[in-house]
Amino acid sequence: MTHISQGEERVLLESEDDFGVIRVLELGDYRFLEFGDGVEQSCVYMPDPSWLEYDYTRAMLLGGLCHPHPETALFLGLGGGSLLRACLKFLPIQDAEVIELRSEVVRIAQDYLDLQEEDERVTLRLGDARALVSSVEQADLIFMDLYTDKGPAALHLAWSFLEQCQSKLQVGGWLIINQWSTTNGQPLGAALLRGLFHRHYWELPVAEGNVILFIPADLDQALDQAHLKQSLERLAPNLGYALEPLLKNIRPAT
């Protein structure tokens, strides 16, 4: 289900910081965050900013359901904040920390994309995730979505950083990564990922061409498909979109 309709797109904001151009465009009830030369980063449905329009964000929410009762979460990259808001709405998260490199992205999310500043569950930290991740608390869930106008940030292929992220998971925790896919449908850096995580993770390819990775805290931890199905059935009446088709596409690391 989608709310996007045809109409005239208009530019609400064009700004620039040390990392490049940022735009906010509006089409009907939707606002889009773009980096650089028209590279879309986020889509926010303004009547309900927790709505997830695209399969890759829905797949990341699905990854959050791998944990039976997540109370803490770390978000590496804010974007428009839709995934953050969806997780706070549909998961029992009480403490969410967000690391965002660009202060202008935070300002725009608050001023133009209805990101609420007063949510006591959320702590926003500005800076480079590589430098800051060592100081964060252990989390039940870590969501990694670090993109520029050129594609995924270098940290998506940085062995030591990915290893450090996994080490920041609580027992039973999950690292969920929005990874680019290659022309053969494999996640970018597949050989590195297989070596680092000992092929013990799961992949979910999505329509936008990305592959979402579900990586457990340790090798003794498995993906409980039955639990995922039950969680989806419980959420289905409130979501407004179906996650079951995504569930069927989850595959072990290849």
C-alpha atoms as a PDB file:
ATOM      1  CA  MET A   1       0.000   0.000   0.000  1.00  0.00           C
ATOM      2  CA  THR A   2       1.230   3.481  -0.874  1.00  0.00           C
ATOM      3  CA  HIS A   3      -0.152   6.967  -0.407  1.00  0.00           C
ATOM      4  CA  ILE A   4       1.967   8.609  -3.130  1.00  0.00           C
ATOM      5  CA  SER A   5      -0.112  10.174  -5.888  1.00  0.00           C
ATOM      6  CA  GLN A   6       0.688  12.155  -8.996  1.00  0.00           C
ATOM      7  CA  GLY A   7       1.042  15.890  -8.588  1.00  0.00           C
ATOM      8  CA  GLU A   8       3.444  18.763  -8.733  1.00  0.00           C
ATOM      9  CA  GLU A   9       6.671  18.338  -6.797  1.00  0.00           C
ATOM     10  CA  ARG A  10       8.042  21.446  -5.161  1.00  0.00           C
ATOM     11  CA  VAL A  11      11.301  22.265  -3.395  1.00  0.00           C
ATOM     12  CA  LEU A  12      10.730  23.346   0.205  1.00  0.00           C
ATOM     13  CA  LEU A  13      14.386  23.795   1.131  1.00  0.00           C
ATOM     14  CA  GLU A  14      17.840  23.708  -0.390  1.00  0.00           C
ATOM     15  CA  SER A  15      20.706  23.914   2.061  1.00  0.00           C
ATOM     16  CA  GLU A  16      24.414  23.173   2.043  1.00  0.00           C
ATOM     17  CA  ASP A  17      26.904  22.115   4.696  1.00  0.00           C
ATOM     18  CA  ASP A  18      30.483  20.842   4.661  1.00  0.00           C
ATOM     19  CA  PHE A  19      29.322  17.545   3.143  1.00  0.00           C
ATOM     20  CA  GLY A  20      27.243  18.900   0.278  1.00  0.00           C
ATOM     21  CA  VAL A  21      23.745  19.923  -0.743  1.00  0.00           C
ATOM     22  CA  ILE A  22      20.605  18.853   1.126  1.00  0.00           C
ATOM     23  CA  ARG A  23      17.094  19.327  -0.254  1.00  0.00           C
ATOM     24  CA  VAL A  24      13.586  18.767   0.995  1.00  0.00           C
ATOM     25  CA  LEU A  25      10.955  18.197  -1.697  1.00  0.00           C
ATOM     26  CA  GLU A  26       7.208  17.880  -1.255  1.00  0.00           C
ATOM     27  CA  LEU A  27       4.754  15.843  -3.300  1.00  0.00           C
ATOM     28  CA  GLY A  28       1.249  15.753  -1.871  1.00  0.00           C
ATOM     29  CA  ASP A  29       1.463  14.466   1.709  1.00  0.00           C
ATOM     30  CA  TYR A  30       5.040  13.252   1.230  1.00  0.00           C
ATOM     31  CA  ARG A  31       8.321  14.983   1.881  1.00  0.00           C
ATOM     32  CA  PHE A  32      11.610  13.666   0.528  1.00  0.00           C
ATOM     33  CA  LEU A  33      15.104  14.257   1.874  1.00  0.00           C
ATOM     34  CA  GLU A  34      17.744  14.380  -0.858  1.00  0.00           C
ATOM     35  CA  PHE A  35      21.527  14.604  -0.790  1.00  0.00           C
ATOM     36  CA  GLY A  36      23.667  15.960  -3.586  1.00  0.00           C
ATOM     37  CA  ASP A  37      22.396  15.726  -7.137  1.00  0.00           C
ATOM     38  CA  GLY A  38      18.894  14.431  -6.438  1.00  0.00           C
ATOM     39  CA  VAL A  39      19.841  11.287  -4.472  1.00  0.00           C
ATOM     40  CA  GLU A  40      16.836  10.384  -2.325  1.00  0.00           C
ATOM     41  CA  GLN A  41      17.682   9.484   1.267  1.00  0.00           C
ATOM     42  CA  SER A  42      14.330   9.429   3.066  1.00  0.00           C
ATOM     43  CA  CYS A  43      10.619   9.578   2.424  1.00  0.00           C
ATOM     44  CA  VAL A  44       8.285  10.876   5.150  1.00  0.00           C
ATOM     45  CA  TYR A  45       4.486  10.637   5.002  1.00  0.00           C
ATOM     46  CA  MET A  46       3.601  13.775   6.928  1.00  0.00           C
ATOM     47  CA  PRO A  47       0.152  12.711   8.265  1.00  0.00           C
ATOM     48  CA  ASP A  48       1.946   9.746   9.917  1.00  0.00           C
ATOM     49  CA  PRO A  49       5.748  10.180  10.038  1.00  0.00           C
ATOM     50  CA  SER A  50       6.164   6.640  11.432  1.00  0.00           C
ATOM     51  CA  TRP A  51       4.798   5.217   8.161  1.00  0.00           C
ATOM     52  CA  LEU A  52       7.436   3.263   6.225  1.00  0.00           C
ATOM     53  CA  GLU A  53       6.945   3.723   2.500  1.00  0.00           C
ATOM     54  CA  TYR A  54       9.765   1.622   1.080  1.00  0.00           C
ATOM     55  CA  ASP A  55      10.586  -2.053   1.382  1.00  0.00           C
ATOM     56  CA  TYR A  56      14.102  -1.484   2.694  1.00  0.00           C
ATOM     57  CA  THR A  57      12.831   0.425   5.740  1.00  0.00           C
ATOM     58  CA  ARG A  58      10.078  -2.135   6.300  1.00  0.00           C
ATOM     59  CA  ALA A  59      12.716  -4.863   6.104  1.00  0.00           C
ATOM     60  CA  MET A  60      14.785  -3.076   8.748  1.00  0.00           C
ATOM     61  CA  LEU A  61      11.727  -2.895  11.027  1.00  0.00           C
ATOM     62  CA  LEU A  62      11.270  -6.613  10.397  1.00  0.00           C
ATOM     63  CA  GLY A  63      14.864  -7.089  11.540  1.00  0.00           C
ATOM     64  CA  GLY A  64      13.979  -5.375  14.805  1.00  0.00           C
ATOM     65  CA  LEU A  65      11.344  -8.051  15.384  1.00  0.00           C
ATOM     66  CA  CYS A  66      14.110 -10.679  15.525  1.00  0.00           C
ATOM     67  CA  HIS A  67      14.541  -9.668  19.158  1.00  0.00           C
ATOM     68  CA  PRO A  68      11.672 -10.859  21.381  1.00  0.00           C
ATOM     69  CA  HIS A  69      11.627  -7.763  23.608  1.00  0.00           C
ATOM     70  CA  PRO A  70      14.086  -5.016  22.607  1.00  0.00           C
ATOM     71  CA  GLU A  71      14.369  -2.213  25.141  1.00  0.00           C
ATOM     72  CA  THR A  72      17.453  -0.408  23.812  1.00  0.00           C
ATOM     73  CA  ALA A  73      18.440   0.545  20.272  1.00  0.00           C
ATOM     74  CA  LEU A  74      21.222   2.386  18.487  1.00  0.00           C
ATOM     75  CA  PHE A  75      20.573   4.067  15.133  1.00  0.00           C
ATOM     76  CA  LEU A  76      23.640   4.823  13.021  1.00  0.00           C
ATOM     77  CA  GLY A  77      22.341   7.495  10.647  1.00  0.00           C
ATOM     78  CA  LEU A  78      19.136   9.482  11.108  1.00  0.00           C
ATOM     79  CA  GLY A  79      17.934  10.464   7.643  1.00  0.00           C
ATOM     80  CA  GLY A  80      14.356  11.678   7.855  1.00  0.00           C
ATOM     81  CA  GLY A  81      13.768   9.681  11.028  1.00  0.00           C
ATOM     82  CA  SER A  82      10.934   7.429   9.791  1.00  0.00           C
ATOM     83  CA  LEU A  83      12.627   4.193  10.846  1.00  0.00           C
ATOM     84  CA  LEU A  84      13.370   5.627  14.287  1.00  0.00           C
ATOM     85  CA  ARG A  85       9.734   6.629  14.729  1.00  0.00           C
ATOM     86  CA  ALA A  86       8.405   3.302  13.445  1.00  0.00           C
ATOM     87  CA  CYS A  87      10.622   1.379  15.867  1.00  0.00           C
ATOM     88  CA  LEU A  88       9.533   3.567  18.782  1.00  0.00           C
ATOM     89  CA  LYS A  89       5.892   3.056  17.812  1.00  0.00           C
ATOM     90  CA  PHE A  90       5.874  -0.684  17.131  1.00  0.00           C
ATOM     91  CA  LEU A  91       8.697  -2.045  19.304  1.00  0.00           C
ATOM     92  CA  PRO A  92       8.971  -1.812  23.125  1.00  0.00           C
ATOM     93  CA  ILE A  93      12.079   0.390  22.921  1.00  0.00           C
ATOM     94  CA  GLN A  94      12.573   2.648  25.939  1.00  0.00           C
ATOM     95  CA  ASP A  95      16.045   3.996  25.181  1.00  0.00           C
ATOM     96  CA  ALA A  96      17.125   4.926  21.650  1.00  0.00           C
ATOM     97  CA  GLU A  97      20.438   6.552  20.786  1.00  0.00           C
ATOM     98  CA  VAL A  98      20.996   8.133  17.367  1.00  0.00           C
ATOM     99  CA  ILE A  99      24.378   9.012  15.889  1.00  0.00           C
ATOM    100  CA  GLU A 100      24.215  11.430  12.953  1.00  0.00           C
ATOM    101  CA  LEU A 101      27.199  12.994  11.216  1.00  0.00           C
ATOM    102  CA  ARG A 102      25.468  16.103   9.884  1.00  0.00           C
ATOM    103  CA  SER A 103      23.879  18.659  12.217  1.00  0.00           C
ATOM    104  CA  GLU A 104      21.971  20.081   9.240  1.00  0.00           C
ATOM    105  CA  VAL A 105      20.235  16.716   8.744  1.00  0.00           C
ATOM    106  CA  VAL A 106      19.021  16.826  12.353  1.00  0.00           C
ATOM    107  CA  ARG A 107      17.816  20.415  11.998  1.00  0.00           C
ATOM    108  CA  ILE A 108      15.960  19.648   8.777  1.00  0.00           C
ATOM    109  CA  ALA A 109      14.368  16.505  10.219  1.00  0.00           C
ATOM    110  CA  GLN A 110      13.066  18.573  13.122  1.00  0.00           C
ATOM    111  CA  ASP A 111      11.992  21.649  11.136  1.00  0.00           C
ATOM    112  CA  TYR A 112      10.628  20.029   7.977  1.00  0.00           C
ATOM    113  CA  LEU A 113      10.010  16.320   8.655  1.00  0.00           C
ATOM    114  CA  ASP A 114       8.213  16.530  12.004  1.00  0.00           C
ATOM    115  CA  LEU A 115      10.892  14.815  14.081  1.00  0.00           C
ATOM    116  CA  GLN A 116       9.927  15.539  17.676  1.00  0.00           C
ATOM    117  CA  GLU A 117      12.645  16.980  19.924  1.00  0.00           C
ATOM    118  CA  GLU A 118      10.946  16.240  23.240  1.00  0.00           C
ATOM    119  CA  ASP A 119      10.815  12.425  23.153  1.00  0.00           C
ATOM    120  CA  GLU A 120      12.628  11.461  26.359  1.00  0.00           C
ATOM    121  CA  ARG A 121      13.436   8.022  24.966  1.00  0.00           C
ATOM    122  CA  VAL A 122      15.726   9.476  22.286  1.00  0.00           C
ATOM    123  CA  THR A 123      19.300  10.771  22.636  1.00  0.00           C
ATOM    124  CA  LEU A 124      20.801  12.445  19.550  1.00  0.00           C
ATOM    125  CA  ARG A 125      24.579  12.614  19.202  1.00  0.00           C
ATOM    126  CA  LEU A 126      26.364  14.507  16.444  1.00  0.00           C
ATOM    127  CA  GLY A 127      29.578  13.167  14.995  1.00  0.00           C
ATOM    128  CA  ASP A 128      31.308  10.411  13.077  1.00  0.00           C
ATOM    129  CA  ALA A 129      29.998   6.968  13.968  1.00  0.00           C
ATOM    130  CA  ARG A 130      33.531   5.548  13.726  1.00  0.00           C
ATOM    131  CA  ALA A 131      34.664   7.800  16.566  1.00  0.00           C
ATOM    132  CA  LEU A 132      31.529   7.611  18.693  1.00  0.00           C
ATOM    133  CA  VAL A 133      30.490   3.962  18.588  1.00  0.00           C
ATOM    134  CA  SER A 134      33.125   2.963  21.139  1.00  0.00           C
ATOM    135  CA  SER A 135      31.428   5.135  23.766  1.00  0.00           C
ATOM    136  CA  VAL A 136      27.834   3.936  23.309  1.00  0.00           C
ATOM    137  CA  GLU A 137      26.047   1.606  25.704  1.00  0.00           C
ATOM    138  CA  GLN A 138      25.275  -1.993  24.789  1.00  0.00           C
ATOM    139  CA  ALA A 139      22.040  -2.253  22.812  1.00  0.00           C
ATOM    140  CA  ASP A 140      19.482  -4.906  21.955  1.00  0.00           C
ATOM    141  CA  LEU A 141      19.250  -3.596  18.387  1.00  0.00           C
ATOM    142  CA  ILE A 142      21.664  -1.648  16.199  1.00  0.00           C
ATOM    143  CA  PHE A 143      20.415  -0.225  12.901  1.00  0.00           C
ATOM    144  CA  MET A 144      23.110   0.834  10.425  1.00  0.00           C
ATOM    145  CA  ASP A 145      22.088   3.035   7.494  1.00  0.00           C
ATOM    146  CA  LEU A 146      25.022   5.346   6.700  1.00  0.00           C
ATOM    147  CA  TYR A 147      24.605   6.731   3.205  1.00  0.00           C
ATOM    148  CA  THR A 148      25.947   9.717   1.292  1.00  0.00           C
ATOM    149  CA  ASP A 149      25.038  11.079  -2.135  1.00  0.00           C
ATOM    150  CA  LYS A 150      27.562   8.583  -3.554  1.00  0.00           C
ATOM    151  CA  GLY A 151      26.145   5.478  -1.875  1.00  0.00           C
ATOM    152  CA  PRO A 152      26.985   3.635   1.335  1.00  0.00           C
ATOM    153  CA  ALA A 153      29.612   5.208   3.566  1.00  0.00           C
ATOM    154  CA  ALA A 154      32.974   3.463   3.810  1.00  0.00           C
ATOM    155  CA  LEU A 155      31.993   2.127   7.245  1.00  0.00           C
ATOM    156  CA  HIS A 156      29.632  -0.345   5.535  1.00  0.00           C
ATOM    157  CA  LEU A 157      32.783  -2.195   4.429  1.00  0.00           C
ATOM    158  CA  ALA A 158      35.058  -1.457   7.402  1.00  0.00           C
ATOM    159  CA  TRP A 159      35.958  -4.746   9.130  1.00  0.00           C
ATOM    160  CA  SER A 160      36.985  -3.235  12.474  1.00  0.00           C
ATOM    161  CA  PHE A 161      33.922  -0.967  12.649  1.00  0.00           C
ATOM    162  CA  LEU A 162      31.465  -3.750  11.825  1.00  0.00           C
ATOM    163  CA  GLU A 163      33.184  -5.976  14.369  1.00  0.00           C
ATOM    164  CA  GLN A 164      32.886  -3.215  16.967  1.00  0.00           C
ATOM    165  CA  CYS A 165      29.179  -2.768  16.206  1.00  0.00           C
ATOM    166  CA  GLN A 166      28.541  -6.467  16.764  1.00  0.00           C
ATOM    167  CA  SER A 167      30.474  -6.289  20.047  1.00  0.00           C
ATOM    168  CA  LYS A 168      28.096  -3.534  21.215  1.00  0.00           C
ATOM    169  CA  LEU A 169      25.107  -5.881  21.102  1.00  0.00           C
ATOM    170  CA  GLN A 170      23.550  -7.190  24.264  1.00  0.00           C
ATOM    171  CA  VAL A 171      23.170 -10.963  24.608  1.00  0.00           C
ATOM    172  CA  GLY A 172      20.456 -11.918  22.140  1.00  0.00           C
ATOM    173  CA  GLY A 173      20.875  -8.656  20.214  1.00  0.00           C
ATOM    174  CA  TRP A 174      20.788  -8.011  16.477  1.00  0.00           C
ATOM    175  CA  LEU A 175      22.732  -5.776  14.101  1.00  0.00           C
ATOM    176  CA  ILE A 176      20.588  -4.742  11.123  1.00  0.00           C
ATOM    177  CA  ILE A 177      22.430  -3.257   8.133  1.00  0.00           C
ATOM    178  CA  ASN A 178      21.013  -1.643   5.018  1.00  0.00           C
ATOM    179  CA  GLN A 179      23.602  -2.884   2.528  1.00  0.00           C
ATOM    180  CA  TRP A 180      23.849  -2.149  -1.175  1.00  0.00           C
ATOM    181  CA  SER A 181      23.578  -5.142  -3.462  1.00  0.00           C
ATOM    182  CA  THR A 182      25.775  -6.022  -6.419  1.00  0.00           C
ATOM    183  CA  THR A 183      24.568  -6.946  -9.891  1.00  0.00           C
ATOM    184  CA  ASN A 184      24.293 -10.619  -8.902  1.00  0.00           C
ATOM    185  CA  GLY A 185      22.030  -9.849  -5.946  1.00  0.00           C
ATOM    186  CA  GLN A 186      24.690 -10.377  -3.286  1.00  0.00           C
ATOM    187  CA  PRO A 187      25.335  -7.736  -0.612  1.00  0.00           C
ATOM    188  CA  LEU A 188      28.213  -5.382  -1.289  1.00  0.00           C
ATOM    189  CA  GLY A 189      31.330  -6.798   0.357  1.00  0.00           C
ATOM    190  CA  ALA A 190      29.894 -10.309   0.586  1.00  0.00           C
ATOM    191  CA  ALA A 191      33.302 -11.955   0.971  1.00  0.00           C
ATOM    192  CA  LEU A 192      34.251  -9.597   3.822  1.00  0.00           C
ATOM    193  CA  LEU A 193      30.899 -10.147   5.534  1.00  0.00           C
ATOM    194  CA  ARG A 194      31.135 -13.938   5.263  1.00  0.00           C
ATOM    195  CA  GLY A 195      34.593 -13.890   6.796  1.00  0.00           C
ATOM    196  CA  LEU A 196      33.808 -11.450   9.580  1.00  0.00           C
ATOM    197  CA  PHE A 197      30.524 -13.013  10.657  1.00  0.00           C
ATOM    198  CA  HIS A 198      31.435 -16.645   9.817  1.00  0.00           C
ATOM    199  CA  ARG A 199      28.475 -16.875   7.408  1.00  0.00           C
ATOM    200  CA  HIS A 200      26.225 -16.730  10.475  1.00  0.00           C
ATOM    201  CA  TYR A 201      23.719 -14.078   9.457  1.00  0.00           C
ATOM    202  CA  TRP A 202      20.650 -13.726   7.277  1.00  0.00           C
ATOM    203  CA  GLU A 203      19.942 -11.666   4.158  1.00  0.00           C
ATOM    204  CA  LEU A 204      16.746 -10.051   2.915  1.00  0.00           C
ATOM    205  CA  PRO A 205      16.872  -8.634  -0.648  1.00  0.00           C
ATOM    206  CA  VAL A 206      14.330  -5.867  -1.297  1.00  0.00           C
ATOM    207  CA  ALA A 207      12.769  -4.161  -4.302  1.00  0.00           C
ATOM    208  CA  GLU A 208      14.951  -1.039  -4.115  1.00  0.00           C
ATOM    209  CA  GLY A 209      18.011  -3.163  -4.867  1.00  0.00           C
ATOM    210  CA  ASN A 210      19.404  -3.310  -1.346  1.00  0.00           C
ATOM    211  CA  VAL A 211      20.042  -6.331   0.844  1.00  0.00           C
ATOM    212  CA  ILE A 212      19.146  -5.994   4.518  1.00  0.00           C
ATOM    213  CA  LEU A 213      21.414  -8.013   6.809  1.00  0.00           C
ATOM    214  CA  PHE A 214      20.279  -9.541  10.113  1.00  0.00           C
ATOM    215  CA  ILE A 215      23.409 -10.286  12.173  1.00  0.00           C
ATOM    216  CA  PRO A 216      23.130 -11.875  15.635  1.00  0.00           C
ATOM    217  CA  ALA A 217      25.303 -11.067  18.613  1.00  0.00           C
ATOM    218  CA  ASP A 218      26.978 -14.477  18.608  1.00  0.00           C
ATOM    219  CA  LEU A 219      27.216 -17.804  16.807  1.00  0.00           C
ATOM    220  CA  ASP A 220      24.865 -19.588  19.221  1.00  0.00           C
ATOM    221  CA  GLN A 221      21.985 -17.313  18.247  1.00  0.00           C
ATOM    222  CA  ALA A 222      19.572 -18.263  15.471  1.00  0.00           C
ATOM    223  CA  LEU A 223      16.799 -16.525  13.585  1.00  0.00           C
ATOM    224  CA  ASP A 224      13.454 -17.721  14.945  1.00  0.00           C
ATOM    225  CA  GLN A 225      11.138 -17.684  11.939  1.00  0.00           C
ATOM    226  CA  ALA A 226       8.165 -18.844  14.013  1.00  0.00           C
ATOM    227  CA  HIS A 227       8.633 -15.938  16.429  1.00  0.00           C
ATOM    228  CA  LEU A 228       8.917 -13.504  13.524  1.00  0.00           C
ATOM    229  CA  LYS A 229       5.682 -14.781  12.010  1.00  0.00           C
ATOM    230  CA  GLN A 230       3.859 -14.442  15.337  1.00  0.00           C
ATOM    231  CA  SER A 231       5.203 -10.908  15.799  1.00  0.00           C
ATOM    232  CA  LEU A 232       4.024  -9.927  12.332  1.00  0.00           C
ATOM    233  CA  GLU A 233       0.558 -11.315  12.974  1.00  0.00           C
ATOM    234  CA  ARG A 234       0.366  -9.262  16.162  1.00  0.00           C
ATOM    235  CA  LEU A 235       1.433  -6.039  14.440  1.00  0.00           C
ATOM    236  CA  ALA A 236      -0.478  -6.492  11.183  1.00  0.00           C
ATOM    237  CA  PRO A 237      -3.686  -4.672  12.234  1.00  0.00           C
ATOM    238  CA  ASN A 238      -1.692  -1.538  13.156  1.00  0.00           C
ATOM    239  CA  LEU A 239       0.894  -1.373  10.381  1.00  0.00           C
ATOM    240  CA  GLY A 240      -1.224  -0.657   7.316  1.00  0.00           C
ATOM    241  CA  TYR A 241       1.150  -2.669   5.113  1.00  0.00           C
ATOM    242  CA  ALA A 242       2.113  -6.333   4.911  1.00  0.00           C
ATOM    243  CA  LEU A 243       5.511  -7.599   6.007  1.00  0.00           C
ATOM    244  CA  GLU A 244       4.742 -11.266   5.329  1.00  0.00           C
ATOM    245  CA  PRO A 245       6.007 -11.113   1.703  1.00  0.00           C
ATOM    246  CA  LEU A 246       9.357  -9.906   3.017  1.00  0.00           C
ATOM    247  CA  LEU A 247       9.486 -12.708   5.573  1.00  0.00           C
ATOM    248  CA  LYS A 248       9.322 -15.248   2.771  1.00  0.00           C
ATOM    249  CA  ASN A 249      12.445 -13.783   1.123  1.00  0.00           C
ATOM    250  CA  ILE A 250      14.791 -14.110   4.107  1.00  0.00           C
ATOM    251  CA  ARG A 251      17.697 -16.405   3.273  1.00  0.00           C
ATOM    252  CA  PRO A 252      20.793 -17.640   5.129  1.00  0.00           C
ATOM    253  CA  ALA A 253      24.066 -15.939   4.162  1.00  0.00           C
ATOM    254  CA  THR A 254      25.349 -17.381   0.912  1.00  0.00           C
END
